[in-house]
């Protein structure tokens, strides 16, 4: 069963991801169909990772598991 929008955003926050507008970021996240680093197509939503700086928490990009 896929996670809901609120569950996904809550998960990002628990992992330390910081962003000004999580609703906007979620819309970008669900519309992103390929890795922003290697351009590999995502086969499903579990292929996507929210790349962020682990020191500052700031979001960087949506990438595949390999690039993360």
PDB file of N, CA and C in Angstrom:
ATOM      1  N   UNK A   1       0.850  -1.187   0.000  1.00  0.00           N
ATOM      2  CA  UNK A   1       0.000   0.000   0.000  1.00  0.00           C
ATOM      3  C   UNK A   1       0.893   1.247   0.000  1.00  0.00           C
ATOM      4  N   UNK A   2       0.715   2.133  -0.966  1.00  0.00           N
ATOM      5  CA  UNK A   2       1.553   3.329  -1.039  1.00  0.00           C
ATOM      6  C   UNK A   2       1.278   4.283   0.129  1.00  0.00           C
ATOM      7  N   UNK A   3       2.309   5.039   0.476  1.00  0.00           N
ATOM      8  CA  UNK A   3       2.154   6.022   1.545  1.00  0.00           C
ATOM      9  C   UNK A   3       1.327   7.203   1.045  1.00  0.00           C
ATOM     10  N   UNK A   4       0.605   7.818   1.950  1.00  0.00           N
ATOM     11  CA  UNK A   4      -0.158   9.013   1.617  1.00  0.00           C
ATOM     12  C   UNK A   4       0.792  10.211   1.571  1.00  0.00           C
ATOM     13  N   UNK A   5       0.305  11.304   1.057  1.00  0.00           N
ATOM     14  CA  UNK A   5       1.096  12.538   0.997  1.00  0.00           C
ATOM     15  C   UNK A   5       1.561  12.933   2.392  1.00  0.00           C
ATOM     16  N   UNK A   6       0.666  12.928   3.357  1.00  0.00           N
ATOM     17  CA  UNK A   6       1.043  13.345   4.715  1.00  0.00           C
ATOM     18  C   UNK A   6       2.060  12.387   5.337  1.00  0.00           C
ATOM     19  N   UNK A   7       1.935  11.097   5.064  1.00  0.00           N
ATOM     20  CA  UNK A   7       2.913  10.130   5.568  1.00  0.00           C
ATOM     21  C   UNK A   7       4.286  10.366   4.940  1.00  0.00           C
ATOM     22  N   UNK A   8       4.295  10.641   3.641  1.00  0.00           N
ATOM     23  CA  UNK A   8       5.557  10.882   2.933  1.00  0.00           C
ATOM     24  C   UNK A   8       6.246  12.112   3.484  1.00  0.00           C
ATOM     25  N   UNK A   9       5.517  13.199   3.633  1.00  0.00           N
ATOM     26  CA  UNK A   9       6.096  14.442   4.156  1.00  0.00           C
ATOM     27  C   UNK A   9       6.567  14.244   5.592  1.00  0.00           C
ATOM     28  N   UNK A  10       5.794  13.556   6.392  1.00  0.00           N
ATOM     29  CA  UNK A  10       6.191  13.265   7.776  1.00  0.00           C
ATOM     30  C   UNK A  10       7.492  12.467   7.810  1.00  0.00           C
ATOM     31  N   UNK A  11       7.627  11.512   6.904  1.00  0.00           N
ATOM     32  CA  UNK A  11       8.840  10.703   6.808  1.00  0.00           C
ATOM     33  C   UNK A  11      10.051  11.573   6.455  1.00  0.00           C
ATOM     34  N   UNK A  12       9.869  12.501   5.516  1.00  0.00           N
ATOM     35  CA  UNK A  12      10.963  13.411   5.154  1.00  0.00           C
ATOM     36  C   UNK A  12      11.421  14.207   6.369  1.00  0.00           C
ATOM     37  N   UNK A  13      10.463  14.728   7.120  1.00  0.00           N
ATOM     38  CA  UNK A  13      10.788  15.542   8.294  1.00  0.00           C
ATOM     39  C   UNK A  13      11.520  14.705   9.349  1.00  0.00           C
ATOM     40  N   UNK A  14      11.055  13.474   9.566  1.00  0.00           N
ATOM     41  CA  UNK A  14      11.710  12.578  10.537  1.00  0.00           C
ATOM     42  C   UNK A  14      13.153  12.289  10.141  1.00  0.00           C
ATOM     43  N   UNK A  15      13.419  12.237   8.841  1.00  0.00           N
ATOM     44  CA  UNK A  15      14.768  11.969   8.346  1.00  0.00           C
ATOM     45  C   UNK A  15      15.637  13.227   8.301  1.00  0.00           C
ATOM     46  N   UNK A  16      15.046  14.373   8.677  1.00  0.00           N
ATOM     47  CA  UNK A  16      15.825  15.597   8.788  1.00  0.00           C
ATOM     48  C   UNK A  16      15.821  16.501   7.574  1.00  0.00           C
ATOM     49  N   UNK A  17      14.981  16.198   6.573  1.00  0.00           N
ATOM     50  CA  UNK A  17      14.928  17.017   5.374  1.00  0.00           C
ATOM     51  C   UNK A  17      14.209  18.332   5.678  1.00  0.00           C
ATOM     52  N   UNK A  18      14.835  19.444   5.320  1.00  0.00           N
ATOM     53  CA  UNK A  18      14.274  20.773   5.554  1.00  0.00           C
ATOM     54  C   UNK A  18      13.975  21.422   4.209  1.00  0.00           C
ATOM     55  N   UNK A  19      12.757  21.970   4.101  1.00  0.00           N
ATOM     56  CA  UNK A  19      12.347  22.659   2.885  1.00  0.00           C
ATOM     57  C   UNK A  19      11.275  23.674   3.252  1.00  0.00           C
ATOM     58  N   UNK A  20      11.227  24.786   2.531  1.00  0.00           N
ATOM     59  CA  UNK A  20      10.274  25.852   2.852  1.00  0.00           C
ATOM     60  C   UNK A  20       8.822  25.438   2.660  1.00  0.00           C
ATOM     61  N   UNK A  21       8.527  24.709   1.592  1.00  0.00           N
ATOM     62  CA  UNK A  21       7.143  24.345   1.298  1.00  0.00           C
ATOM     63  C   UNK A  21       7.077  22.868   0.920  1.00  0.00           C
ATOM     64  N   UNK A  22       6.767  22.031   1.900  1.00  0.00           N
ATOM     65  CA  UNK A  22       6.720  20.587   1.673  1.00  0.00           C
ATOM     66  C   UNK A  22       5.645  20.192   0.661  1.00  0.00           C
ATOM     67  N   UNK A  23       4.534  20.921   0.623  1.00  0.00           N
ATOM     68  CA  UNK A  23       3.481  20.598  -0.346  1.00  0.00           C
ATOM     69  C   UNK A  23       3.984  20.773  -1.772  1.00  0.00           C
ATOM     70  N   UNK A  24       4.694  21.869  -2.021  1.00  0.00           N
ATOM     71  CA  UNK A  24       5.266  22.090  -3.356  1.00  0.00           C
ATOM     72  C   UNK A  24       6.312  21.024  -3.683  1.00  0.00           C
ATOM     73  N   UNK A  25       7.147  20.707  -2.706  1.00  0.00           N
ATOM     74  CA  UNK A  25       8.184  19.699  -2.919  1.00  0.00           C
ATOM     75  C   UNK A  25       7.557  18.339  -3.218  1.00  0.00           C
ATOM     76  N   UNK A  26       6.476  18.012  -2.543  1.00  0.00           N
ATOM     77  CA  UNK A  26       5.790  16.748  -2.795  1.00  0.00           C
ATOM     78  C   UNK A  26       5.295  16.674  -4.236  1.00  0.00           C
ATOM     79  N   UNK A  27       4.746  17.772  -4.736  1.00  0.00           N
ATOM     80  CA  UNK A  27       4.263  17.799  -6.116  1.00  0.00           C
ATOM     81  C   UNK A  27       5.415  17.559  -7.101  1.00  0.00           C
ATOM     82  N   UNK A  28       6.556  18.160  -6.839  1.00  0.00           N
ATOM     83  CA  UNK A  28       7.735  17.938  -7.683  1.00  0.00           C
ATOM     84  C   UNK A  28       8.166  16.467  -7.573  1.00  0.00           C
ATOM     85  N   UNK A  29       8.180  15.953  -6.358  1.00  0.00           N
ATOM     86  CA  UNK A  29       8.593  14.571  -6.088  1.00  0.00           C
ATOM     87  C   UNK A  29       7.752  13.574  -6.890  1.00  0.00           C
ATOM     88  N   UNK A  30       6.419  13.712  -6.856  1.00  0.00           N
ATOM     89  CA  UNK A  30       5.581  12.721  -7.541  1.00  0.00           C
ATOM     90  C   UNK A  30       5.624  12.876  -9.056  1.00  0.00           C
ATOM     91  N   UNK A  31       6.021  14.030  -9.540  1.00  0.00           N
ATOM     92  CA  UNK A  31       6.101  14.254 -10.989  1.00  0.00           C
ATOM     93  C   UNK A  31       7.484  13.943 -11.559  1.00  0.00           C
ATOM     94  N   UNK A  32       8.471  13.771 -10.697  1.00  0.00           N
ATOM     95  CA  UNK A  32       9.827  13.478 -11.153  1.00  0.00           C
ATOM     96  C   UNK A  32       9.917  12.004 -11.538  1.00  0.00           C
ATOM     97  N   UNK A  33      10.263  11.757 -12.783  1.00  0.00           N
ATOM     98  CA  UNK A  33      10.261  10.389 -13.305  1.00  0.00           C
ATOM     99  C   UNK A  33      11.652   9.847 -13.619  1.00  0.00           C
ATOM    100  N   UNK A  34      12.690  10.664 -13.365  1.00  0.00           N
ATOM    101  CA  UNK A  34      14.053  10.172 -13.583  1.00  0.00           C
ATOM    102  C   UNK A  34      15.009  10.868 -12.633  1.00  0.00           C
ATOM    103  N   UNK A  35      16.106  10.198 -12.375  1.00  0.00           N
ATOM    104  CA  UNK A  35      17.146  10.697 -11.477  1.00  0.00           C
ATOM    105  C   UNK A  35      17.735  11.997 -12.022  1.00  0.00           C
ATOM    106  N   UNK A  36      17.890  12.977 -11.148  1.00  0.00           N
ATOM    107  CA  UNK A  36      18.436  14.273 -11.563  1.00  0.00           C
ATOM    108  C   UNK A  36      19.954  14.223 -11.762  1.00  0.00           C
ATOM    109  N   UNK A  37      20.601  13.116 -11.345  1.00  0.00           N
ATOM    110  CA  UNK A  37      22.051  12.977 -11.538  1.00  0.00           C
ATOM    111  C   UNK A  37      22.399  12.130 -12.764  1.00  0.00           C
ATOM    112  N   UNK A  38      21.827  10.935 -12.838  1.00  0.00           N
ATOM    113  CA  UNK A  38      22.210  10.005 -13.909  1.00  0.00           C
ATOM    114  C   UNK A  38      21.135   9.841 -14.988  1.00  0.00           C
ATOM    115  N   UNK A  39      19.984  10.440 -14.785  1.00  0.00           N
ATOM    116  CA  UNK A  39      18.850  10.375 -15.723  1.00  0.00           C
ATOM    117  C   UNK A  39      18.197   9.005 -15.838  1.00  0.00           C
ATOM    118  N   UNK A  40      18.517   8.090 -14.932  1.00  0.00           N
ATOM    119  CA  UNK A  40      17.866   6.771 -14.946  1.00  0.00           C
ATOM    120  C   UNK A  40      16.385   6.940 -14.621  1.00  0.00           C
ATOM    121  N   UNK A  41      15.543   6.261 -15.387  1.00  0.00           N
ATOM    122  CA  UNK A  41      14.099   6.335 -15.171  1.00  0.00           C
ATOM    123  C   UNK A  41      13.719   5.578 -13.901  1.00  0.00           C
ATOM    124  N   UNK A  42      12.832   6.163 -13.114  1.00  0.00           N
ATOM    125  CA  UNK A  42      12.328   5.485 -11.925  1.00  0.00           C
ATOM    126  C   UNK A  42      11.257   4.492 -12.340  1.00  0.00           C
ATOM    127  N   UNK A  43      11.404   3.233 -11.926  1.00  0.00           N
ATOM    128  CA  UNK A  43      10.419   2.210 -12.261  1.00  0.00           C
ATOM    129  C   UNK A  43       9.199   2.316 -11.344  1.00  0.00           C
ATOM    130  N   UNK A  44       9.421   2.764 -10.116  1.00  0.00           N
ATOM    131  CA  UNK A  44       8.317   2.986  -9.171  1.00  0.00           C
ATOM    132  C   UNK A  44       8.761   3.997  -8.116  1.00  0.00           C
ATOM    133  N   UNK A  45       7.874   4.338  -7.212  1.00  0.00           N
ATOM    134  CA  UNK A  45       8.162   5.394  -6.241  1.00  0.00           C
ATOM    135  C   UNK A  45       9.261   5.018  -5.255  1.00  0.00           C
ATOM    136  N   UNK A  46       9.501   3.730  -5.050  1.00  0.00           N
ATOM    137  CA  UNK A  46      10.561   3.345  -4.115  1.00  0.00           C
ATOM    138  C   UNK A  46      11.957   3.530  -4.709  1.00  0.00           C
ATOM    139  N   UNK A  47      12.043   3.797  -6.002  1.00  0.00           N
ATOM    140  CA  UNK A  47      13.338   4.068  -6.641  1.00  0.00           C
ATOM    141  C   UNK A  47      13.829   5.484  -6.351  1.00  0.00           C
ATOM    142  N   UNK A  48      12.925   6.380  -5.954  1.00  0.00           N
ATOM    143  CA  UNK A  48      13.262   7.791  -5.720  1.00  0.00           C
ATOM    144  C   UNK A  48      13.788   8.016  -4.312  1.00  0.00           C
ATOM    145  N   UNK A  49      14.800   8.867  -4.208  1.00  0.00           N
ATOM    146  CA  UNK A  49      15.350   9.268  -2.909  1.00  0.00           C
ATOM    147  C   UNK A  49      15.424  10.787  -2.844  1.00  0.00           C
ATOM    148  N   UNK A  50      15.179  11.317  -1.676  1.00  0.00           N
ATOM    149  CA  UNK A  50      15.288  12.755  -1.451  1.00  0.00           C
ATOM    150  C   UNK A  50      16.699  13.038  -0.954  1.00  0.00           C
ATOM    151  N   UNK A  51      17.537  13.496  -1.834  1.00  0.00           N
ATOM    152  CA  UNK A  51      18.916  13.817  -1.475  1.00  0.00           C
ATOM    153  C   UNK A  51      18.916  15.126  -0.696  1.00  0.00           C
ATOM    154  N   UNK A  52      19.536  15.095   0.474  1.00  0.00           N
ATOM    155  CA  UNK A  52      19.640  16.302   1.283  1.00  0.00           C
ATOM    156  C   UNK A  52      20.940  16.286   2.064  1.00  0.00           C
ATOM    157  N   UNK A  53      21.387  17.458   2.451  1.00  0.00           N
ATOM    158  CA  UNK A  53      22.606  17.608   3.235  1.00  0.00           C
ATOM    159  C   UNK A  53      22.312  17.134   4.657  1.00  0.00           C
ATOM    160  N   UNK A  54      23.043  16.137   5.132  1.00  0.00           N
ATOM    161  CA  UNK A  54      22.767  15.570   6.444  1.00  0.00           C
ATOM    162  C   UNK A  54      23.228  16.472   7.585  1.00  0.00           C
ATOM    163  N   UNK A  55      24.023  17.478   7.295  1.00  0.00           N
ATOM    164  CA  UNK A  55      24.434  18.437   8.318  1.00  0.00           C
ATOM    165  C   UNK A  55      23.403  19.551   8.469  1.00  0.00           C
ATOM    166  N   UNK A  56      22.996  20.139   7.348  1.00  0.00           N
ATOM    167  CA  UNK A  56      22.050  21.262   7.396  1.00  0.00           C
ATOM    168  C   UNK A  56      20.602  20.820   7.244  1.00  0.00           C
ATOM    169  N   UNK A  57      20.372  19.649   6.647  1.00  0.00           N
ATOM    170  CA  UNK A  57      19.030  19.160   6.392  1.00  0.00           C
ATOM    171  C   UNK A  57      18.413  19.684   5.107  1.00  0.00           C
ATOM    172  N   UNK A  58      19.121  20.579   4.418  1.00  0.00           N
ATOM    173  CA  UNK A  58      18.560  21.217   3.232  1.00  0.00           C
ATOM    174  C   UNK A  58      18.470  20.253   2.048  1.00  0.00           C
ATOM    175  N   UNK A  59      17.320  20.289   1.378  1.00  0.00           N
ATOM    176  CA  UNK A  59      17.048  19.463   0.204  1.00  0.00           C
ATOM    177  C   UNK A  59      17.993  19.842  -0.933  1.00  0.00           C
ATOM    178  N   UNK A  60      18.478  18.810  -1.662  1.00  0.00           N
ATOM    179  CA  UNK A  60      19.324  19.055  -2.826  1.00  0.00           C
ATOM    180  C   UNK A  60      18.658  18.625  -4.124  1.00  0.00           C
ATOM    181  N   UNK A  61      18.182  17.375  -4.190  1.00  0.00           N
ATOM    182  CA  UNK A  61      17.671  16.869  -5.459  1.00  0.00           C
ATOM    183  C   UNK A  61      16.932  15.554  -5.240  1.00  0.00           C
ATOM    184  N   UNK A  62      16.211  15.136  -6.262  1.00  0.00           N
ATOM    185  CA  UNK A  62      15.554  13.831  -6.253  1.00  0.00           C
ATOM    186  C   UNK A  62      16.398  12.907  -7.121  1.00  0.00           C
ATOM    187  N   UNK A  63      16.899  11.853  -6.512  1.00  0.00           N
ATOM    188  CA  UNK A  63      17.854  10.971  -7.176  1.00  0.00           C
ATOM    189  C   UNK A  63      17.445   9.517  -7.005  1.00  0.00           C
ATOM    190  N   UNK A  64      18.090   8.635  -7.780  1.00  0.00           N
ATOM    191  CA  UNK A  64      17.857   7.194  -7.644  1.00  0.00           C
ATOM    192  C   UNK A  64      18.655   6.664  -6.445  1.00  0.00           C
ATOM    193  N   UNK A  65      18.368   5.450  -6.071  1.00  0.00           N
ATOM    194  CA  UNK A  65      19.071   4.846  -4.931  1.00  0.00           C
ATOM    195  C   UNK A  65      20.576   4.740  -5.159  1.00  0.00           C
ATOM    196  N   UNK A  66      20.980   4.465  -6.405  1.00  0.00           N
ATOM    197  CA  UNK A  66      22.413   4.354  -6.708  1.00  0.00           C
ATOM    198  C   UNK A  66      23.136   5.677  -6.512  1.00  0.00           C
ATOM    199  N   UNK A  67      22.527   6.761  -6.949  1.00  0.00           N
ATOM    200  CA  UNK A  67      23.161   8.084  -6.823  1.00  0.00           C
ATOM    201  C   UNK A  67      23.084   8.632  -5.403  1.00  0.00           C
ATOM    202  N   UNK A  68      22.138   8.144  -4.635  1.00  0.00           N
ATOM    203  CA  UNK A  68      22.009   8.598  -3.254  1.00  0.00           C
ATOM    204  C   UNK A  68      23.081   7.989  -2.383  1.00  0.00           C
TER     205      UNK A  68
END
